[in-house]
Protein backbone atom coordinates (compact mmCIF):
# COMPACT_ATOMS: atom_id res chain seq x y z
CA MET A 1 -14.86 10.28 12.90
CA GLY A 2 -11.53 8.16 12.86
CA LEU A 3 -8.45 9.68 14.73
CA SER A 4 -9.50 12.94 16.74
CA GLU A 5 -7.89 16.10 16.07
CA ASN A 6 -6.16 15.36 19.69
CA GLN A 7 -4.80 11.99 18.36
CA LEU A 8 -3.51 14.33 14.98
CA GLN A 9 -1.81 16.43 17.46
CA GLU A 10 -0.03 13.70 19.22
CA LEU A 11 0.77 12.12 16.33
CA LYS A 12 2.67 16.00 15.55
CA GLN A 13 4.05 16.39 18.21
CA ILE A 14 5.56 12.75 18.18
CA PHE A 15 7.09 13.48 14.76
CA ASP A 16 8.49 16.75 15.93
CA SER A 17 10.52 15.52 18.88
CA SER A 18 11.93 13.08 17.20
CA VAL A 19 16.03 13.21 16.22
CA ARG A 20 16.71 9.10 14.73
CA PRO A 21 13.07 7.39 13.69
CA VAL A 22 13.34 3.91 12.59
CA ILE A 23 10.24 4.00 10.33
CA LEU A 24 9.12 0.26 9.19
CA PHE A 25 6.64 0.52 6.30
CA ASP A 26 4.50 -2.04 4.23
CA ASP A 27 5.91 -2.30 0.86
CA ASP A 28 3.08 -0.47 -0.98
CA PRO A 29 2.18 3.27 -2.36
CA ASP A 30 0.31 4.11 1.01
CA GLY A 31 3.04 2.55 3.01
CA LEU A 32 5.81 4.22 1.25
CA ALA A 33 4.12 7.61 1.37
CA SER A 34 3.68 7.31 5.25
CA PHE A 35 7.17 7.13 5.44
CA LEU A 36 8.26 9.55 3.33
CA LEU A 37 5.83 11.95 5.14
CA ILE A 38 7.57 11.43 8.51
CA TYR A 39 11.32 11.20 7.09
CA LYS A 40 10.83 14.52 4.91
CA HIS A 41 9.59 16.28 8.24
CA ILE A 42 12.14 14.94 10.67
CA ARG A 43 14.74 15.01 8.24
CA GLU A 44 16.51 12.09 9.51
CA GLY A 45 16.19 8.27 10.60
CA LYS A 46 16.39 4.90 8.55
CA GLY A 47 13.26 3.49 7.11
CA ILE A 48 12.89 -0.33 6.37
CA PRO A 49 10.17 -1.80 3.98
CA VAL A 50 8.41 -5.32 5.07
CA LYS A 51 8.33 -6.99 1.93
CA ASN A 52 6.00 -10.22 1.51
CA ALA A 53 4.53 -10.27 4.19
CA PRO A 54 1.84 -8.97 6.57
CA GLU A 55 4.07 -9.58 9.84
CA LEU A 56 6.72 -8.47 12.12
CA GLY A 57 8.59 -10.64 13.44
CA PRO A 58 11.43 -10.77 16.34
CA GLU A 59 14.11 -11.40 13.53
CA LEU A 60 13.97 -7.50 12.65
CA ALA A 61 14.21 -6.58 16.61
CA GLN A 62 17.76 -6.81 16.36
CA LYS A 63 18.43 -4.88 13.13
CA VAL A 64 15.88 -2.35 14.76
CA ASN A 65 18.08 -1.90 17.97
CA ASP A 66 21.25 -2.18 16.60
CA TYR A 67 20.77 1.42 14.48
CA ALA A 68 19.77 2.54 18.45
CA PRO A 69 16.76 4.89 17.08
CA ASP A 70 15.23 7.29 19.70
CA ILE A 71 11.73 5.97 18.31
CA VAL A 72 10.28 3.24 16.41
CA ILE A 73 7.30 4.21 13.85
CA ILE A 74 5.60 1.95 11.75
CA VAL A 75 3.59 2.84 9.49
CA ASP A 76 0.64 0.91 7.27
CA VAL A 77 1.93 -2.60 8.72
CA PRO A 78 -1.31 -4.93 9.38
CA ILE A 79 0.15 -7.13 12.11
CA ILE A 80 3.16 -7.36 14.84
CA ASN A 81 3.82 -9.94 17.21
CA GLN A 82 4.17 -9.27 20.26
CA GLU A 83 7.61 -10.70 20.69
CA PHE A 84 8.84 -8.18 18.23
CA ILE A 85 7.30 -5.05 20.33
CA ASP A 86 9.12 -6.83 23.76
CA LYS A 87 12.62 -6.55 22.03
CA ILE A 88 12.63 -3.28 21.05
CA LYS A 89 14.20 -1.62 23.50
CA THR A 90 13.01 2.22 22.70
CA ARG A 91 9.55 3.89 22.46
CA VAL A 92 7.27 1.85 19.60
CA VAL A 93 4.23 3.85 17.96
CA TRP A 94 1.95 2.16 15.62
CA ILE A 95 0.12 4.03 12.84
CA ASP A 96 -2.39 1.81 10.91
CA HIS A 97 -5.77 1.33 8.87
CA HIS A 98 -6.10 -2.58 8.96
CA PRO A 99 -8.30 -4.73 11.59
CA VAL A 100 -7.94 -3.65 15.06
CA VAL A 101 -5.06 -5.82 16.76
CA LYS A 102 -4.21 -6.00 20.60
CA ARG A 103 -0.96 -5.50 21.37
CA HIS A 104 1.07 -4.42 24.70
CA GLY A 105 4.12 -1.79 24.88
CA VAL A 106 2.86 -0.13 21.92
CA GLU A 107 0.91 3.39 21.38
CA TYR A 108 -1.12 2.43 18.77
CA TYR A 109 -3.29 5.05 16.59
CA ASN A 110 -5.99 3.41 14.12
CA PRO A 111 -9.35 5.11 12.75
CA ARG A 112 -11.19 1.59 13.09
CA ILE A 113 -10.64 1.55 16.98
CA ALA A 114 -13.38 4.68 16.96
CA GLU A 115 -14.94 3.58 14.06
CA PRO A 116 -15.08 -0.05 12.70
CA GLU A 117 -15.92 0.94 8.60
CA ASP A 118 -13.58 3.76 8.62
CA ASN A 119 -10.29 2.06 6.87
CA ARG A 120 -8.87 5.35 5.25
CA PRO A 121 -5.54 4.94 4.35
CA THR A 122 -2.24 5.69 6.95
CA SER A 123 -0.70 8.29 4.45
CA TYR A 124 -4.36 10.54 5.43
CA TRP A 125 -3.66 10.04 8.57
CA VAL A 126 0.19 11.53 8.66
CA TYR A 127 -0.70 13.77 6.30
CA LYS A 128 -3.65 15.52 8.01
CA ALA A 129 -1.30 15.55 11.35
CA LEU A 130 1.30 17.13 9.09
CA LYS A 131 -0.04 18.86 6.56
CA GLU A 132 2.76 19.02 4.26
CA ASN A 133 4.10 17.30 1.06
CA LEU A 134 0.20 16.51 0.00
CA TRP A 135 1.71 15.29 -3.76
CA ILE A 136 3.44 12.20 -1.80
CA ALA A 137 -0.29 11.56 0.32
CA MET A 138 -2.23 11.72 -3.07
CA ILE A 139 0.27 9.01 -4.45
CA GLY A 140 -0.32 6.89 -0.88
CA MET A 141 -4.03 7.62 -0.60
CA ILE A 142 -5.00 7.31 -4.29
CA GLY A 143 -2.56 4.01 -4.75
CA ASP A 144 -4.71 2.85 -1.48
CA TRP A 145 -8.04 2.95 -3.09
CA PHE A 146 -9.47 6.08 -1.68
CA PHE A 147 -10.90 8.98 -2.74
CA PRO A 148 -9.89 11.58 -0.13
CA GLU A 149 -12.61 14.96 0.73
CA GLN A 150 -13.15 17.74 -1.97
CA GLU A 151 -10.85 19.99 0.49
CA VAL A 152 -8.16 17.74 -0.37
CA ILE A 153 -8.25 17.19 -3.98
CA ASP A 154 -9.28 20.87 -4.48
CA GLU A 155 -5.77 21.90 -3.05
CA PHE A 156 -4.03 19.26 -4.97
CA ILE A 157 -5.48 20.17 -8.21
CA ALA A 158 -4.85 23.73 -7.65
CA GLU A 159 -0.99 23.20 -6.81
CA TYR A 160 -0.95 20.16 -9.66
CA PRO A 161 -4.08 21.01 -12.12
CA ASP A 162 -2.04 18.63 -14.76
CA LEU A 163 -1.61 15.50 -12.11
CA LEU A 164 -5.30 15.04 -11.81
CA SER A 165 -8.67 16.39 -13.76
CA SER A 166 -11.41 17.80 -11.17
CA ASP A 167 -13.66 15.24 -13.03
CA ILE A 168 -12.39 12.26 -11.68
CA LYS A 169 -14.10 11.09 -8.81
CA ARG A 170 -12.95 7.58 -8.30
CA PRO A 171 -9.60 6.38 -7.30
CA GLU A 172 -9.44 3.60 -10.07
CA ILE A 173 -10.17 6.31 -13.13
CA ALA A 174 -7.47 8.06 -11.53
CA LEU A 175 -5.26 5.50 -11.52
CA HIS A 176 -5.77 4.95 -15.18
CA ASN A 177 -6.64 8.08 -16.49
CA SER A 178 -4.46 10.61 -15.39
CA ARG A 179 -0.56 11.57 -14.90
CA LEU A 180 -0.85 11.15 -11.27
CA GLY A 181 -2.00 7.47 -11.64
CA GLU A 182 1.34 7.09 -14.12
CA LEU A 183 3.21 8.38 -11.08
CA ILE A 184 1.28 5.83 -8.71
CA LYS A 185 2.80 2.99 -10.51
CA ILE A 186 6.01 4.33 -11.73
CA ILE A 187 6.50 4.22 -7.73
CA SER A 188 4.62 0.72 -7.21
CA PHE A 189 7.36 -0.92 -9.96
CA ASN A 190 10.04 0.69 -7.86
CA LEU A 191 9.16 -1.25 -4.90
CA LYS A 192 9.11 -4.32 -6.58
CA GLY A 193 12.28 -6.83 -6.91
CA LYS A 194 15.11 -8.00 -4.13
CA THR A 195 15.20 -5.81 -1.11
CA SER A 196 18.32 -4.16 -1.84
CA GLU A 197 17.21 -3.14 -5.16
CA VAL A 198 14.35 -1.61 -3.24
CA ILE A 199 15.64 -0.09 -0.43
CA LYS A 200 18.41 2.01 -3.56
CA SER A 201 15.14 3.79 -4.87
CA ILE A 202 14.01 4.34 -1.43
CA LYS A 203 16.85 6.25 -0.83
CA VAL A 204 16.04 8.01 -4.24
CA PHE A 205 13.08 8.82 -2.86
CA THR A 206 13.76 10.76 -0.02
CA ARG A 207 15.43 13.29 -1.83
CA ILE A 208 12.59 13.87 -4.76
CA LYS A 209 11.48 17.01 -4.17
CA ASP A 210 8.39 17.29 -6.59
CA PRO A 211 6.45 15.12 -8.73
CA TYR A 212 8.18 16.23 -12.37
CA GLU A 213 11.56 15.30 -11.08
CA ILE A 214 10.44 11.60 -11.94
CA LEU A 215 7.39 12.29 -14.42
CA GLU A 216 9.56 14.33 -16.75
CA GLN A 217 12.87 12.75 -16.00
CA LYS A 218 14.55 15.91 -14.61
CA THR A 219 17.18 15.04 -12.59
CA SER A 220 19.45 12.34 -12.05
CA GLY A 221 16.99 11.00 -9.23
CA GLY A 222 14.21 11.64 -11.31
CA ARG A 223 15.66 9.50 -14.20
CA PHE A 224 16.92 6.54 -11.71
CA ILE A 225 13.38 5.88 -10.84
CA TYR A 226 11.76 6.13 -14.02
CA LYS A 227 14.44 3.79 -15.49
CA LYS A 228 13.20 0.93 -13.54
CA TYR A 229 9.65 1.49 -14.30
CA ASN A 230 10.91 1.38 -17.68
CA ARG A 231 12.62 -1.47 -17.54
CA LEU A 232 9.85 -3.27 -15.57
CA LYS A 233 7.13 -2.03 -18.16
CA ASP A 234 7.13 -4.50 -21.34
CA THR A 235 6.94 -7.74 -18.68
CA TYR A 236 3.74 -5.68 -17.02
CA TYR A 237 2.14 -5.38 -20.76
CA GLU A 238 2.95 -8.56 -21.87
CA LEU A 239 1.02 -10.33 -18.15
CA ILE A 240 -2.12 -8.02 -19.35
CA LYS A 241 -1.90 -9.12 -22.87
CA GLN A 242 -2.29 -12.84 -21.77
CA VAL A 243 -5.62 -12.00 -19.47
CA LYS A 244 -8.87 -14.07 -21.47
CA VAL A 245 -12.15 -12.45 -20.46
CA LYS A 246 -15.40 -13.92 -20.88
CA PRO A 247 -17.89 -11.60 -21.44
CA GLN A 248 -20.31 -14.13 -19.50
CA ASP A 249 -18.21 -15.08 -16.44
CA LYS A 250 -18.96 -12.63 -13.25
CA LEU A 251 -15.36 -13.64 -12.43
CA VAL A 252 -11.98 -12.32 -14.52
CA LEU A 253 -9.48 -15.38 -13.04
CA PHE A 254 -5.99 -14.59 -14.08
CA VAL A 255 -2.79 -16.74 -12.38
CA TYR A 256 0.23 -16.22 -13.43
CA GLU A 257 4.02 -17.28 -12.43
CA ASN A 258 7.24 -14.93 -12.19
CA PRO A 259 10.33 -15.50 -10.61
CA ASP A 260 11.20 -12.25 -9.25
CA TYR A 261 8.25 -9.61 -9.67
CA SER A 262 4.71 -9.79 -8.70
CA PHE A 263 2.36 -7.37 -10.76
CA SER A 264 -0.93 -8.33 -9.31
CA ALA A 265 -2.14 -4.96 -7.27
CA GLU A 266 -1.71 -2.95 -10.81
CA ILE A 267 -2.83 -6.18 -13.09
CA SER A 268 -5.94 -5.89 -11.05
CA ASN A 269 -6.35 -2.26 -10.99
CA GLU A 270 -6.09 -2.33 -14.66
CA LEU A 271 -8.53 -4.90 -15.00
CA ILE A 272 -11.26 -3.27 -13.05
CA TYR A 273 -10.74 -0.12 -14.62
CA LYS A 274 -11.45 -1.93 -18.20
CA TYR A 275 -14.08 -4.17 -16.61
CA PRO A 276 -15.98 -2.61 -14.11
CA ASP A 277 -18.69 -5.34 -13.54
CA LYS A 278 -16.74 -7.84 -13.17
CA ILE A 279 -15.07 -9.38 -9.67
CA ILE A 280 -11.24 -9.37 -10.92
CA LEU A 281 -8.77 -12.24 -9.14
CA VAL A 282 -5.46 -12.29 -10.12
CA ALA A 283 -2.99 -14.56 -8.22
CA TRP A 284 0.56 -14.99 -8.07
CA GLU A 285 2.30 -18.16 -7.44
CA TYR A 286 5.24 -17.87 -5.01
CA GLY A 287 6.75 -19.53 -2.03
CA GLY A 288 4.15 -22.55 -2.50
CA GLU A 289 1.53 -20.04 -2.04
CA TYR A 290 -1.10 -17.72 -4.30
CA LYS A 291 -0.71 -14.59 -3.25
CA CYS A 292 -4.41 -12.96 -4.70
CA SER A 293 -5.42 -9.39 -5.79
CA LEU A 294 -8.93 -8.69 -6.05
CA ARG A 295 -10.93 -6.02 -7.34
CA SER A 296 -15.00 -5.07 -7.63
CA THR A 297 -16.74 -1.83 -8.02
CA LYS A 298 -19.90 -3.22 -6.62
CA LEU A 299 -19.47 -5.94 -3.93
CA SER A 300 -17.81 -6.10 -0.34
CA LEU A 301 -14.67 -8.62 -0.72
CA PRO A 302 -13.49 -8.86 2.52
CA LEU A 303 -16.98 -10.75 3.62
CA ILE A 304 -16.59 -12.66 0.45
CA ILE A 305 -13.33 -13.39 1.52
CA GLU A 306 -13.92 -14.26 5.05
CA LYS A 307 -16.43 -16.96 3.53
CA ALA A 308 -14.36 -18.36 0.90
CA LEU A 309 -11.36 -18.84 3.27
CA GLU A 310 -13.53 -21.38 5.46
CA GLY A 311 -11.81 -24.54 5.08
CA VAL A 312 -8.94 -23.12 2.98
CA THR A 313 -5.57 -22.72 4.63
CA GLY A 314 -5.18 -19.04 4.13
CA TYR A 315 -6.08 -15.41 4.99
CA GLY A 316 -6.99 -12.21 3.39
CA GLY A 317 -8.54 -8.77 3.99
CA GLY A 318 -8.40 -5.41 2.72
CA HIS A 319 -11.12 -2.73 1.56
CA ASP A 320 -14.56 -3.03 0.06
CA HIS A 321 -13.62 -2.80 -3.06
CA ALA A 322 -9.90 -3.65 -3.32
CA SER A 323 -8.69 -6.67 -1.23
CA GLY A 324 -6.08 -9.50 -0.88
CA ALA A 325 -5.47 -12.76 -0.17
CA CYS A 326 -2.60 -15.37 0.53
CA VAL A 327 -3.67 -18.93 -0.07
CA LYS A 328 -1.97 -22.52 0.22
CA ILE A 329 -1.68 -24.05 -3.53
CA ASN A 330 -3.16 -27.29 -2.67
CA ASP A 331 -6.24 -25.27 -1.21
CA PHE A 332 -6.51 -22.77 -4.12
CA LYS A 333 -8.76 -24.49 -6.48
CA GLN A 334 -11.29 -25.00 -3.47
CA PHE A 335 -10.84 -20.89 -2.72
CA ILE A 336 -12.06 -19.85 -6.31
CA GLU A 337 -15.17 -22.69 -6.13
CA ASN A 338 -15.94 -20.99 -2.95
CA ILE A 339 -15.26 -17.59 -4.43
CA ARG A 340 -17.45 -18.46 -7.55
CA LYS A 341 -20.57 -19.34 -5.49
CA LEU A 342 -20.42 -16.75 -3.03
CA ILE A 343 -20.86 -14.57 -6.04
């Protein structure tokens, strides 16, 4: 069920009538794709990635107000402080697909209001409203572990037959056995690092007109995006080499340190592709916490995470087969023990 046709038309009218939006988005492929779909439709505005936190705080409000937007659009951000909304001096529209959160003074679009199990990505709903730039929407959908309906897949393959095979039916296969998957990895790597560095990549993304600019490095913008991916690729594959998998263990646990970049989502995606019968948990140590990325082809991960967090300082959730958690360092051992017992 999700968002109704009326709600999708409302979103289209919101995008059509905006002339100077601020668009806040989660710093992952779904968030970026949602921003790009809206930005390319309006052709004006300012994008702000929300990094390293699931929560928008009041400190961002001043930065948003200084731009004097006619509307603030928030996409794919799980939690927003009421104080942040209260400080914004204009209309606020929030489009999301994470568990429902109640806030005042915001127009809230979330498929889970009508159907609690419907967590189709934000980029899916924005595409459904606009019906433009399907290649960008597919980056968001597959990057967020969602395989859309056959009609959408057929349309994409008709336009980009070399980017995705019609034989592929699951997101983890698409991520590791297609050129679309390579494109998603390139984009993910460009969302890593310092905010100033990420914003440079995002500005370039707004000017990219088709996927081949990046994949075949056809333009200066495409070469810029590919260059950062190329620079980080070696670090990523060095980390992959360090993963040890014991045949008897149901859980593949990989904990790593890297002062500048987190590759947890990409590593966990690759490991579940290689070991579909295992449960994957990749943890990155950062700021006194372990930021975890979990994958499974069979188990419902949010349920396991919720129970594993009992008596533990942390939070987590996500999709059935692709989820995340954040746990204080002192509680991490207990969290892992809880996970092992539950699986």
